[in-house]
Amino acid sequence: MGRYIIRRLLQAIPLLLLISVFMFSLIHLLPGGADAVIFNPRLDAAGRAAIRASFGLDQPIYIQYLKWLANTLTGNFGFSFSNHLSVSSILAVRFPATIELFSFSLLFALIFAIILGVVSAVRQNTATDYTLTVISYFGIAMPAFILGLFLQDIFAVQLHILPVSGTESLGYTFDAFNSLLDKATHLILPVITLAFLFIAAWSRFMRSSMIDVIKQDYMRTARAKGVSPINILVQHALRNALIPLITVVAIDFGGVAGGAVITEGIYAWPGMGSLFFDSLESRDFPVLLAILMLSAIFVLVFNLVADILYGVMDPRIRYN
């Protein structure tokens, strides 16, 4: 397993290099360019030339890329064109909020998708199964921004039981427990909004996978030997049914991250998603490149974790 992980990490290096070349070229092809961001319209030609030289924009694009790559490898993503702050310091402020929202949403979606999928499979062709199927199709068809607005209107505007946006209540001083409770209440609506679509889709996949496993010969053998239904379900069926779900979750990882961008915009969540939109609108190239490269790294890491989980869930899988 150790050699496999090392080999996968080494294989990721040229892939990330190609991604960085593509992203750097794509960003610099955006209309308007950096000039529209960093230049004062009243500057004369000499002033513009001096600023371009200070940002390295007067050099050929391949030289700019090589310098950017060398700095990035040391953790230096450069400085924002918009506010001239270090990109690393900007990401350090925004990144924890996105990780918090993403982690809770992914965990919430997985737990409920597995539970609903198993219940639907065990209660196949019953009223429970049909009800969960209708709810799932509703969730798959519902856009995240529509669901978010509905939840805001119902629970924040009409019922006044949950906050409408942000990560904490402003203007209040709480002790440690109440501060944690306040942050938790601000997480509820964004987490539900982001997780709902994936709960719907993953629960249907889990149901199908569980039904296939239940029909296997070894399941009938376990029942014939007198193994209790709970032990059959948990020890035999569930573990094997989770293996295909791991693949689906790994494929949908980018979708969860993309949904986080929309959700952060709806709930004014100060994370990487809202930062990406702001940077794209202002053509803040250094921030955009940093966000895109971090996203690519996380997708590769998550797929590696999924491959490792295959070996954990299925003893027949061995990596050399």
C-alpha atoms as a PDB file:
ATOM      1  CA  MET A   1       0.000   0.000   0.000  1.00  0.00           C
ATOM      2  CA  GLY A   2       2.823   2.411   0.864  1.00  0.00           C
ATOM      3  CA  ARG A   3       4.520   1.927  -2.481  1.00  0.00           C
ATOM      4  CA  TYR A   4       1.204   2.390  -4.269  1.00  0.00           C
ATOM      5  CA  ILE A   5       0.579   5.709  -2.502  1.00  0.00           C
ATOM      6  CA  ILE A   6       4.089   6.932  -3.331  1.00  0.00           C
ATOM      7  CA  ARG A   7       3.639   5.901  -6.973  1.00  0.00           C
ATOM      8  CA  ARG A   8       0.313   7.719  -7.207  1.00  0.00           C
ATOM      9  CA  LEU A   9       1.818  10.857  -5.692  1.00  0.00           C
ATOM     10  CA  LEU A  10       4.679  10.768  -8.186  1.00  0.00           C
ATOM     11  CA  GLN A  11       2.212  10.299 -11.041  1.00  0.00           C
ATOM     12  CA  ALA A  12       0.287  13.363  -9.835  1.00  0.00           C
ATOM     13  CA  ILE A  13       3.314  15.633 -10.310  1.00  0.00           C
ATOM     14  CA  PRO A  14       3.297  15.763 -14.162  1.00  0.00           C
ATOM     15  CA  LEU A  15      -0.506  15.950 -14.124  1.00  0.00           C
ATOM     16  CA  LEU A  16      -0.449  18.977 -11.828  1.00  0.00           C
ATOM     17  CA  LEU A  17       2.243  20.510 -14.025  1.00  0.00           C
ATOM     18  CA  LEU A  18       0.047  20.167 -17.103  1.00  0.00           C
ATOM     19  CA  ILE A  19      -2.928  21.559 -15.196  1.00  0.00           C
ATOM     20  CA  SER A  20      -0.867  24.550 -14.079  1.00  0.00           C
ATOM     21  CA  VAL A  21       0.213  25.282 -17.668  1.00  0.00           C
ATOM     22  CA  PHE A  22      -3.379  25.069 -18.880  1.00  0.00           C
ATOM     23  CA  MET A  23      -4.764  27.207 -16.048  1.00  0.00           C
ATOM     24  CA  PHE A  24      -2.050  29.842 -16.361  1.00  0.00           C
ATOM     25  CA  SER A  25      -2.602  30.140 -20.114  1.00  0.00           C
ATOM     26  CA  LEU A  26      -6.384  30.213 -19.753  1.00  0.00           C
ATOM     27  CA  ILE A  27      -6.318  32.899 -17.062  1.00  0.00           C
ATOM     28  CA  HIS A  28      -4.081  35.132 -19.158  1.00  0.00           C
ATOM     29  CA  LEU A  29      -6.429  34.787 -22.125  1.00  0.00           C
ATOM     30  CA  LEU A  30      -9.324  36.320 -20.206  1.00  0.00           C
ATOM     31  CA  PRO A  31     -10.582  39.509 -21.862  1.00  0.00           C
ATOM     32  CA  GLY A  32      -9.444  42.778 -20.312  1.00  0.00           C
ATOM     33  CA  GLY A  33      -6.250  41.467 -18.812  1.00  0.00           C
ATOM     34  CA  ALA A  34      -4.512  42.615 -15.670  1.00  0.00           C
ATOM     35  CA  ASP A  35      -4.236  46.161 -16.992  1.00  0.00           C
ATOM     36  CA  ALA A  36      -7.910  46.772 -16.249  1.00  0.00           C
ATOM     37  CA  VAL A  37      -7.308  45.937 -12.584  1.00  0.00           C
ATOM     38  CA  ILE A  38      -3.953  47.358 -11.570  1.00  0.00           C
ATOM     39  CA  PHE A  39      -3.765  50.495 -13.697  1.00  0.00           C
ATOM     40  CA  ASN A  40      -5.202  53.876 -12.913  1.00  0.00           C
ATOM     41  CA  PRO A  41      -6.721  55.251 -16.152  1.00  0.00           C
ATOM     42  CA  ARG A  42      -4.924  58.547 -15.519  1.00  0.00           C
ATOM     43  CA  LEU A  43      -1.449  57.005 -15.547  1.00  0.00           C
ATOM     44  CA  ASP A  44       0.834  57.993 -18.343  1.00  0.00           C
ATOM     45  CA  ALA A  45       2.788  55.509 -20.450  1.00  0.00           C
ATOM     46  CA  ALA A  46       5.857  55.664 -18.195  1.00  0.00           C
ATOM     47  CA  GLY A  47       3.792  54.944 -15.091  1.00  0.00           C
ATOM     48  CA  ARG A  48       2.100  51.996 -16.757  1.00  0.00           C
ATOM     49  CA  ALA A  49       5.436  50.584 -17.866  1.00  0.00           C
ATOM     50  CA  ALA A  50       6.820  50.877 -14.336  1.00  0.00           C
ATOM     51  CA  ILE A  51       3.834  49.048 -12.811  1.00  0.00           C
ATOM     52  CA  ARG A  52       3.968  46.327 -15.453  1.00  0.00           C
ATOM     53  CA  ALA A  53       7.626  45.830 -14.679  1.00  0.00           C
ATOM     54  CA  SER A  54       6.970  45.641 -10.919  1.00  0.00           C
ATOM     55  CA  PHE A  55       4.422  42.826 -11.465  1.00  0.00           C
ATOM     56  CA  GLY A  56       6.549  41.120 -14.112  1.00  0.00           C
ATOM     57  CA  LEU A  57       3.870  41.644 -16.766  1.00  0.00           C
ATOM     58  CA  ASP A  58       6.374  43.101 -19.215  1.00  0.00           C
ATOM     59  CA  GLN A  59       8.030  39.706 -19.677  1.00  0.00           C
ATOM     60  CA  PRO A  60       6.997  36.928 -22.099  1.00  0.00           C
ATOM     61  CA  ILE A  61       4.213  34.720 -20.779  1.00  0.00           C
ATOM     62  CA  TYR A  62       6.459  31.633 -20.498  1.00  0.00           C
ATOM     63  CA  ILE A  63       8.877  33.599 -18.304  1.00  0.00           C
ATOM     64  CA  GLN A  64       5.953  34.766 -16.158  1.00  0.00           C
ATOM     65  CA  TYR A  65       4.803  31.149 -15.830  1.00  0.00           C
ATOM     66  CA  LEU A  66       8.220  29.828 -14.820  1.00  0.00           C
ATOM     67  CA  LYS A  67       8.610  32.517 -12.170  1.00  0.00           C
ATOM     68  CA  TRP A  68       5.087  31.900 -10.899  1.00  0.00           C
ATOM     69  CA  LEU A  69       5.749  28.149 -10.747  1.00  0.00           C
ATOM     70  CA  ALA A  70       9.018  28.609  -8.858  1.00  0.00           C
ATOM     71  CA  ASN A  71       7.344  30.890  -6.315  1.00  0.00           C
ATOM     72  CA  THR A  72       4.313  28.592  -5.981  1.00  0.00           C
ATOM     73  CA  LEU A  73       6.514  25.608  -5.131  1.00  0.00           C
ATOM     74  CA  THR A  74       7.755  27.573  -2.123  1.00  0.00           C
ATOM     75  CA  GLY A  75       4.222  28.477  -1.038  1.00  0.00           C
ATOM     76  CA  ASN A  76       4.383  32.012  -2.415  1.00  0.00           C
ATOM     77  CA  PHE A  77       1.334  32.654  -4.626  1.00  0.00           C
ATOM     78  CA  GLY A  78       2.245  36.289  -5.217  1.00  0.00           C
ATOM     79  CA  PHE A  79       0.189  39.374  -4.435  1.00  0.00           C
ATOM     80  CA  SER A  80      -3.398  40.235  -5.289  1.00  0.00           C
ATOM     81  CA  PHE A  81      -3.870  42.729  -8.103  1.00  0.00           C
ATOM     82  CA  SER A  82      -6.960  44.129  -6.386  1.00  0.00           C
ATOM     83  CA  ASN A  83      -5.748  44.915  -2.868  1.00  0.00           C
ATOM     84  CA  HIS A  84      -1.997  44.155  -3.091  1.00  0.00           C
ATOM     85  CA  LEU A  85      -2.207  41.717  -0.157  1.00  0.00           C
ATOM     86  CA  SER A  86      -0.375  38.431  -0.118  1.00  0.00           C
ATOM     87  CA  VAL A  87      -2.475  35.733  -1.792  1.00  0.00           C
ATOM     88  CA  SER A  88      -1.380  33.275   0.888  1.00  0.00           C
ATOM     89  CA  SER A  89      -2.748  35.540   3.625  1.00  0.00           C
ATOM     90  CA  ILE A  90      -6.049  35.930   1.744  1.00  0.00           C
ATOM     91  CA  LEU A  91      -6.403  32.172   1.354  1.00  0.00           C
ATOM     92  CA  ALA A  92      -5.509  31.620   5.005  1.00  0.00           C
ATOM     93  CA  VAL A  93      -8.546  33.705   5.975  1.00  0.00           C
ATOM     94  CA  ARG A  94     -10.997  32.186   3.476  1.00  0.00           C
ATOM     95  CA  PHE A  95      -9.869  28.567   3.301  1.00  0.00           C
ATOM     96  CA  PRO A  96     -10.962  27.423   6.808  1.00  0.00           C
ATOM     97  CA  ALA A  97     -14.545  28.596   6.194  1.00  0.00           C
ATOM     98  CA  THR A  98     -14.787  26.569   2.982  1.00  0.00           C
ATOM     99  CA  ILE A  99     -13.249  23.469   4.586  1.00  0.00           C
ATOM    100  CA  GLU A 100     -15.735  23.769   7.443  1.00  0.00           C
ATOM    101  CA  LEU A 101     -18.739  24.002   5.118  1.00  0.00           C
ATOM    102  CA  PHE A 102     -17.445  21.343   2.728  1.00  0.00           C
ATOM    103  CA  SER A 103     -16.543  18.815   5.449  1.00  0.00           C
ATOM    104  CA  PHE A 104     -19.846  19.024   7.305  1.00  0.00           C
ATOM    105  CA  SER A 105     -21.841  18.921   4.057  1.00  0.00           C
ATOM    106  CA  LEU A 106     -19.952  15.890   2.754  1.00  0.00           C
ATOM    107  CA  LEU A 107     -20.317  14.050   6.068  1.00  0.00           C
ATOM    108  CA  PHE A 108     -24.004  14.957   6.326  1.00  0.00           C
ATOM    109  CA  ALA A 109     -24.660  13.842   2.746  1.00  0.00           C
ATOM    110  CA  LEU A 110     -22.847  10.527   3.174  1.00  0.00           C
ATOM    111  CA  ILE A 111     -24.559   9.592   6.431  1.00  0.00           C
ATOM    112  CA  PHE A 112     -28.061  10.346   5.228  1.00  0.00           C
ATOM    113  CA  ALA A 113     -27.494   8.889   1.751  1.00  0.00           C
ATOM    114  CA  ILE A 114     -26.337   5.586   3.239  1.00  0.00           C
ATOM    115  CA  ILE A 115     -29.194   5.437   5.760  1.00  0.00           C
ATOM    116  CA  LEU A 116     -31.901   6.342   3.236  1.00  0.00           C
ATOM    117  CA  GLY A 117     -30.438   4.040   0.585  1.00  0.00           C
ATOM    118  CA  VAL A 118     -30.313   1.070   2.955  1.00  0.00           C
ATOM    119  CA  VAL A 119     -33.857   1.695   4.252  1.00  0.00           C
ATOM    120  CA  SER A 120     -35.171   2.038   0.709  1.00  0.00           C
ATOM    121  CA  ALA A 121     -33.467  -1.204  -0.370  1.00  0.00           C
ATOM    122  CA  VAL A 122     -34.623  -3.203   2.639  1.00  0.00           C
ATOM    123  CA  ARG A 123     -38.171  -1.842   2.245  1.00  0.00           C
ATOM    124  CA  GLN A 124     -38.152  -2.289  -1.535  1.00  0.00           C
ATOM    125  CA  ASN A 125     -41.502  -1.728  -3.297  1.00  0.00           C
ATOM    126  CA  THR A 126     -43.206  -0.503  -0.135  1.00  0.00           C
ATOM    127  CA  ALA A 127     -44.723   2.883   0.706  1.00  0.00           C
ATOM    128  CA  THR A 128     -41.464   3.834   2.420  1.00  0.00           C
ATOM    129  CA  ASP A 129     -39.466   3.052  -0.713  1.00  0.00           C
ATOM    130  CA  TYR A 130     -41.859   4.993  -2.950  1.00  0.00           C
ATOM    131  CA  THR A 131     -41.848   8.002  -0.611  1.00  0.00           C
ATOM    132  CA  LEU A 132     -38.044   8.114  -0.473  1.00  0.00           C
ATOM    133  CA  THR A 133     -37.917   7.743  -4.260  1.00  0.00           C
ATOM    134  CA  VAL A 134     -40.185  10.755  -4.766  1.00  0.00           C
ATOM    135  CA  ILE A 135     -38.136  12.834  -2.308  1.00  0.00           C
ATOM    136  CA  SER A 136     -34.912  11.788  -4.049  1.00  0.00           C
ATOM    137  CA  TYR A 137     -36.153  12.794  -7.497  1.00  0.00           C
ATOM    138  CA  PHE A 138     -37.301  16.086  -6.042  1.00  0.00           C
ATOM    139  CA  GLY A 139     -33.828  16.654  -4.602  1.00  0.00           C
ATOM    140  CA  ILE A 140     -32.096  15.761  -7.876  1.00  0.00           C
ATOM    141  CA  ALA A 141     -34.304  18.177  -9.819  1.00  0.00           C
ATOM    142  CA  MET A 142     -34.062  21.056  -7.329  1.00  0.00           C
ATOM    143  CA  PRO A 143     -31.284  23.609  -8.124  1.00  0.00           C
ATOM    144  CA  ALA A 144     -29.175  24.534  -5.117  1.00  0.00           C
ATOM    145  CA  PHE A 145     -29.825  28.267  -5.407  1.00  0.00           C
ATOM    146  CA  ILE A 146     -33.620  27.749  -5.460  1.00  0.00           C
ATOM    147  CA  LEU A 147     -33.494  25.429  -2.449  1.00  0.00           C
ATOM    148  CA  GLY A 148     -31.258  27.880  -0.603  1.00  0.00           C
ATOM    149  CA  LEU A 149     -33.649  30.769  -1.178  1.00  0.00           C
ATOM    150  CA  PHE A 150     -36.612  28.655  -0.046  1.00  0.00           C
ATOM    151  CA  LEU A 151     -34.834  27.608   3.149  1.00  0.00           C
ATOM    152  CA  GLN A 152     -33.816  31.201   3.872  1.00  0.00           C
ATOM    153  CA  ASP A 153     -37.379  32.416   3.421  1.00  0.00           C
ATOM    154  CA  ILE A 154     -38.953  29.668   5.546  1.00  0.00           C
ATOM    155  CA  PHE A 155     -36.530  29.249   8.444  1.00  0.00           C
ATOM    156  CA  ALA A 156     -34.904  32.691   8.599  1.00  0.00           C
ATOM    157  CA  VAL A 157     -37.455  35.191   7.292  1.00  0.00           C
ATOM    158  CA  GLN A 158     -40.782  33.577   8.203  1.00  0.00           C
ATOM    159  CA  LEU A 159     -40.006  31.463  11.285  1.00  0.00           C
ATOM    160  CA  HIS A 160     -36.970  33.394  12.586  1.00  0.00           C
ATOM    161  CA  ILE A 161     -35.374  30.247  13.997  1.00  0.00           C
ATOM    162  CA  LEU A 162     -32.147  30.197  11.984  1.00  0.00           C
ATOM    163  CA  PRO A 163     -29.777  32.946  10.769  1.00  0.00           C
ATOM    164  CA  VAL A 164     -30.089  33.995   7.167  1.00  0.00           C
ATOM    165  CA  SER A 165     -26.382  34.343   6.289  1.00  0.00           C
ATOM    166  CA  GLY A 166     -22.816  34.644   7.529  1.00  0.00           C
ATOM    167  CA  THR A 167     -20.824  32.460   9.908  1.00  0.00           C
ATOM    168  CA  GLU A 168     -21.595  34.173  13.228  1.00  0.00           C
ATOM    169  CA  SER A 169     -23.868  36.751  14.808  1.00  0.00           C
ATOM    170  CA  LEU A 170     -22.324  40.198  14.662  1.00  0.00           C
ATOM    171  CA  GLY A 171     -22.521  42.634  17.558  1.00  0.00           C
ATOM    172  CA  TYR A 172     -22.791  39.935  20.248  1.00  0.00           C
ATOM    173  CA  THR A 173     -20.281  38.559  22.730  1.00  0.00           C
ATOM    174  CA  PHE A 174     -20.677  34.884  23.630  1.00  0.00           C
ATOM    175  CA  ASP A 175     -18.915  32.494  25.964  1.00  0.00           C
ATOM    176  CA  ALA A 176     -17.170  29.474  24.439  1.00  0.00           C
ATOM    177  CA  PHE A 177     -20.225  27.204  24.436  1.00  0.00           C
ATOM    178  CA  ASN A 178     -22.665  29.763  23.056  1.00  0.00           C
ATOM    179  CA  SER A 179     -20.120  30.857  20.463  1.00  0.00           C
ATOM    180  CA  LEU A 180     -19.877  27.250  19.241  1.00  0.00           C
ATOM    181  CA  LEU A 181     -23.680  26.995  19.260  1.00  0.00           C
ATOM    182  CA  ASP A 182     -23.957  30.224  17.276  1.00  0.00           C
ATOM    183  CA  LYS A 183     -21.551  28.938  14.624  1.00  0.00           C
ATOM    184  CA  ALA A 184     -23.455  25.654  14.453  1.00  0.00           C
ATOM    185  CA  THR A 185     -26.778  27.399  13.817  1.00  0.00           C
ATOM    186  CA  HIS A 186     -25.188  29.391  10.989  1.00  0.00           C
ATOM    187  CA  LEU A 187     -23.995  26.114   9.434  1.00  0.00           C
ATOM    188  CA  ILE A 188     -27.364  24.363   9.339  1.00  0.00           C
ATOM    189  CA  LEU A 189     -28.946  25.980   6.268  1.00  0.00           C
ATOM    190  CA  PRO A 190     -25.784  26.071   4.111  1.00  0.00           C
ATOM    191  CA  VAL A 191     -25.012  22.428   4.934  1.00  0.00           C
ATOM    192  CA  ILE A 192     -28.545  21.286   4.099  1.00  0.00           C
ATOM    193  CA  THR A 193     -28.531  23.272   0.864  1.00  0.00           C
ATOM    194  CA  LEU A 194     -25.206  21.877  -0.296  1.00  0.00           C
ATOM    195  CA  ALA A 195     -25.833  18.297   0.844  1.00  0.00           C
ATOM    196  CA  PHE A 196     -29.431  17.859  -0.290  1.00  0.00           C
ATOM    197  CA  LEU A 197     -28.732  17.237  -3.975  1.00  0.00           C
ATOM    198  CA  PHE A 198     -26.015  14.685  -3.215  1.00  0.00           C
ATOM    199  CA  ILE A 199     -28.121  12.926  -0.576  1.00  0.00           C
ATOM    200  CA  ALA A 200     -30.806  12.444  -3.222  1.00  0.00           C
ATOM    201  CA  ALA A 201     -28.453  11.111  -5.889  1.00  0.00           C
ATOM    202  CA  TRP A 202     -26.215   9.015  -3.630  1.00  0.00           C
ATOM    203  CA  SER A 203     -29.165   7.428  -1.789  1.00  0.00           C
ATOM    204  CA  ARG A 204     -30.546   6.145  -5.106  1.00  0.00           C
ATOM    205  CA  PHE A 205     -27.174   4.688  -6.002  1.00  0.00           C
ATOM    206  CA  MET A 206     -26.852   3.167  -2.524  1.00  0.00           C
ATOM    207  CA  ARG A 207     -30.305   1.610  -2.870  1.00  0.00           C
ATOM    208  CA  SER A 208     -29.396  -0.001  -6.198  1.00  0.00           C
ATOM    209  CA  SER A 209     -26.074  -1.265  -4.879  1.00  0.00           C
ATOM    210  CA  MET A 210     -27.651  -2.670  -1.723  1.00  0.00           C
ATOM    211  CA  ILE A 211     -30.361  -4.496  -3.690  1.00  0.00           C
ATOM    212  CA  ASP A 212     -27.691  -6.137  -5.880  1.00  0.00           C
ATOM    213  CA  VAL A 213     -25.724  -7.252  -2.824  1.00  0.00           C
ATOM    214  CA  ILE A 214     -28.775  -8.626  -1.012  1.00  0.00           C
ATOM    215  CA  LYS A 215     -29.474 -10.931  -3.973  1.00  0.00           C
ATOM    216  CA  GLN A 216     -25.988 -12.497  -3.923  1.00  0.00           C
ATOM    217  CA  ASP A 217     -25.533 -16.188  -3.072  1.00  0.00           C
ATOM    218  CA  TYR A 218     -23.398 -15.541   0.005  1.00  0.00           C
ATOM    219  CA  MET A 219     -26.235 -13.477   1.494  1.00  0.00           C
ATOM    220  CA  ARG A 220     -28.613 -16.429   1.150  1.00  0.00           C
ATOM    221  CA  THR A 221     -25.959 -18.672   2.669  1.00  0.00           C
ATOM    222  CA  ALA A 222     -25.582 -16.365   5.659  1.00  0.00           C
ATOM    223  CA  ARG A 223     -29.350 -16.356   6.198  1.00  0.00           C
ATOM    224  CA  ALA A 224     -29.459 -20.163   5.913  1.00  0.00           C
ATOM    225  CA  LYS A 225     -26.788 -20.435   8.615  1.00  0.00           C
ATOM    226  CA  GLY A 226     -28.998 -18.464  10.979  1.00  0.00           C
ATOM    227  CA  VAL A 227     -27.044 -15.179  11.017  1.00  0.00           C
ATOM    228  CA  SER A 228     -29.265 -12.430  12.411  1.00  0.00           C
ATOM    229  CA  PRO A 229     -30.722  -9.963   9.866  1.00  0.00           C
ATOM    230  CA  ILE A 230     -28.921  -7.036  11.516  1.00  0.00           C
ATOM    231  CA  ASN A 231     -25.533  -8.770  11.306  1.00  0.00           C
ATOM    232  CA  ILE A 232     -26.199  -9.744   7.681  1.00  0.00           C
ATOM    233  CA  LEU A 233     -27.083  -6.171   6.849  1.00  0.00           C
ATOM    234  CA  VAL A 234     -24.182  -4.480   8.644  1.00  0.00           C
ATOM    235  CA  GLN A 235     -21.330  -6.972   8.381  1.00  0.00           C
ATOM    236  CA  HIS A 236     -21.961  -8.395   4.928  1.00  0.00           C
ATOM    237  CA  ALA A 237     -24.320  -6.309   2.794  1.00  0.00           C
ATOM    238  CA  LEU A 238     -23.429  -2.766   3.835  1.00  0.00           C
ATOM    239  CA  ARG A 239     -19.675  -3.115   3.513  1.00  0.00           C
ATOM    240  CA  ASN A 240     -19.873  -4.545   0.002  1.00  0.00           C
ATOM    241  CA  ALA A 241     -22.576  -2.117  -1.109  1.00  0.00           C
ATOM    242  CA  LEU A 242     -20.396   0.845  -0.082  1.00  0.00           C
ATOM    243  CA  ILE A 243     -17.643   0.005  -2.575  1.00  0.00           C
ATOM    244  CA  PRO A 244     -19.485   1.316  -5.685  1.00  0.00           C
ATOM    245  CA  LEU A 245     -20.679   4.330  -3.683  1.00  0.00           C
ATOM    246  CA  ILE A 246     -17.059   5.301  -3.014  1.00  0.00           C
ATOM    247  CA  THR A 247     -16.524   5.579  -6.769  1.00  0.00           C
ATOM    248  CA  VAL A 248     -19.569   7.806  -7.205  1.00  0.00           C
ATOM    249  CA  VAL A 249     -18.547  10.076  -4.322  1.00  0.00           C
ATOM    250  CA  ALA A 250     -15.030  10.401  -5.748  1.00  0.00           C
ATOM    251  CA  ILE A 251     -16.440  11.347  -9.167  1.00  0.00           C
ATOM    252  CA  ASP A 252     -18.875  13.834  -7.604  1.00  0.00           C
ATOM    253  CA  PHE A 253     -16.178  15.477  -5.477  1.00  0.00           C
ATOM    254  CA  GLY A 254     -15.796  18.300  -7.975  1.00  0.00           C
ATOM    255  CA  GLY A 255     -19.572  18.723  -8.004  1.00  0.00           C
ATOM    256  CA  VAL A 256     -19.648  19.147  -4.236  1.00  0.00           C
ATOM    257  CA  ALA A 257     -16.925  21.783  -4.512  1.00  0.00           C
ATOM    258  CA  GLY A 258     -18.828  23.520  -7.317  1.00  0.00           C
ATOM    259  CA  GLY A 259     -21.990  23.460  -5.246  1.00  0.00           C
ATOM    260  CA  ALA A 260     -20.078  25.053  -2.397  1.00  0.00           C
ATOM    261  CA  VAL A 261     -19.368  28.048  -4.635  1.00  0.00           C
ATOM    262  CA  ILE A 262     -23.106  28.598  -5.217  1.00  0.00           C
ATOM    263  CA  THR A 263     -24.011  27.952  -1.595  1.00  0.00           C
ATOM    264  CA  GLU A 264     -21.427  30.416  -0.321  1.00  0.00           C
ATOM    265  CA  GLY A 265     -22.898  33.069  -2.592  1.00  0.00           C
ATOM    266  CA  ILE A 266     -26.435  32.444  -1.324  1.00  0.00           C
ATOM    267  CA  TYR A 267     -25.530  32.570   2.363  1.00  0.00           C
ATOM    268  CA  ALA A 268     -22.734  35.172   2.173  1.00  0.00           C
ATOM    269  CA  TRP A 269     -20.361  32.511   3.464  1.00  0.00           C
ATOM    270  CA  PRO A 270     -16.849  34.031   3.496  1.00  0.00           C
ATOM    271  CA  GLY A 271     -15.061  31.130   1.851  1.00  0.00           C
ATOM    272  CA  MET A 272     -13.159  30.276  -1.290  1.00  0.00           C
ATOM    273  CA  GLY A 273     -16.267  30.166  -3.464  1.00  0.00           C
ATOM    274  CA  SER A 274     -17.224  33.792  -2.937  1.00  0.00           C
ATOM    275  CA  LEU A 275     -13.541  34.726  -3.216  1.00  0.00           C
ATOM    276  CA  PHE A 276     -13.372  32.963  -6.590  1.00  0.00           C
ATOM    277  CA  PHE A 277     -16.346  34.916  -7.940  1.00  0.00           C
ATOM    278  CA  ASP A 278     -14.935  38.209  -6.651  1.00  0.00           C
ATOM    279  CA  SER A 279     -11.523  37.452  -8.148  1.00  0.00           C
ATOM    280  CA  LEU A 280     -13.013  36.407 -11.480  1.00  0.00           C
ATOM    281  CA  GLU A 281     -15.039  39.595 -11.670  1.00  0.00           C
ATOM    282  CA  SER A 282     -12.001  41.758 -10.890  1.00  0.00           C
ATOM    283  CA  ARG A 283      -9.594  39.641 -13.018  1.00  0.00           C
ATOM    284  CA  ASP A 284      -7.379  39.059  -9.998  1.00  0.00           C
ATOM    285  CA  PHE A 285      -5.113  36.524 -11.710  1.00  0.00           C
ATOM    286  CA  PRO A 286      -2.877  35.482  -8.777  1.00  0.00           C
ATOM    287  CA  VAL A 287      -5.862  34.676  -6.543  1.00  0.00           C
ATOM    288  CA  LEU A 288      -7.681  32.815  -9.328  1.00  0.00           C
ATOM    289  CA  LEU A 289      -4.636  30.682 -10.099  1.00  0.00           C
ATOM    290  CA  ALA A 290      -4.116  29.818  -6.443  1.00  0.00           C
ATOM    291  CA  ILE A 291      -7.752  28.757  -5.998  1.00  0.00           C
ATOM    292  CA  LEU A 292      -7.775  26.663  -9.183  1.00  0.00           C
ATOM    293  CA  MET A 293      -4.536  24.883  -8.327  1.00  0.00           C
ATOM    294  CA  LEU A 294      -5.679  24.138  -4.769  1.00  0.00           C
ATOM    295  CA  SER A 295      -8.919  22.738  -6.189  1.00  0.00           C
ATOM    296  CA  ALA A 296      -6.998  20.474  -8.559  1.00  0.00           C
ATOM    297  CA  ILE A 297      -4.799  19.217  -5.726  1.00  0.00           C
ATOM    298  CA  PHE A 298      -7.811  18.403  -3.558  1.00  0.00           C
ATOM    299  CA  VAL A 299      -9.526  16.494  -6.383  1.00  0.00           C
ATOM    300  CA  LEU A 300      -6.395  14.368  -6.898  1.00  0.00           C
ATOM    301  CA  VAL A 301      -5.986  13.765  -3.165  1.00  0.00           C
ATOM    302  CA  PHE A 302      -9.640  12.802  -2.747  1.00  0.00           C
ATOM    303  CA  ASN A 303      -9.410  10.294  -5.604  1.00  0.00           C
ATOM    304  CA  LEU A 304      -6.329   8.775  -3.952  1.00  0.00           C
ATOM    305  CA  VAL A 305      -8.263   8.476  -0.683  1.00  0.00           C
ATOM    306  CA  ALA A 306     -11.085   6.766  -2.578  1.00  0.00           C
ATOM    307  CA  ASP A 307      -8.652   4.207  -4.034  1.00  0.00           C
ATOM    308  CA  ILE A 308      -7.262   3.521  -0.565  1.00  0.00           C
ATOM    309  CA  LEU A 309     -10.783   3.019   0.779  1.00  0.00           C
ATOM    310  CA  TYR A 310     -11.387   0.371  -1.879  1.00  0.00           C
ATOM    311  CA  GLY A 311      -8.667  -1.727  -0.272  1.00  0.00           C
ATOM    312  CA  VAL A 312     -10.039  -1.101   3.213  1.00  0.00           C
ATOM    313  CA  MET A 313     -13.622  -2.040   2.299  1.00  0.00           C
ATOM    314  CA  ASP A 314     -12.784  -4.980  -0.001  1.00  0.00           C
ATOM    315  CA  PRO A 315     -10.047  -7.382   1.211  1.00  0.00           C
ATOM    316  CA  ARG A 316      -9.808  -8.824  -2.301  1.00  0.00           C
ATOM    317  CA  ILE A 317      -8.250  -5.577  -3.560  1.00  0.00           C
ATOM    318  CA  ARG A 318      -4.510  -5.420  -3.087  1.00  0.00           C
ATOM    319  CA  TYR A 319      -2.220  -2.604  -4.244  1.00  0.00           C
ATOM    320  CA  ASN A 320       1.422  -3.261  -5.112  1.00  0.00           C
END
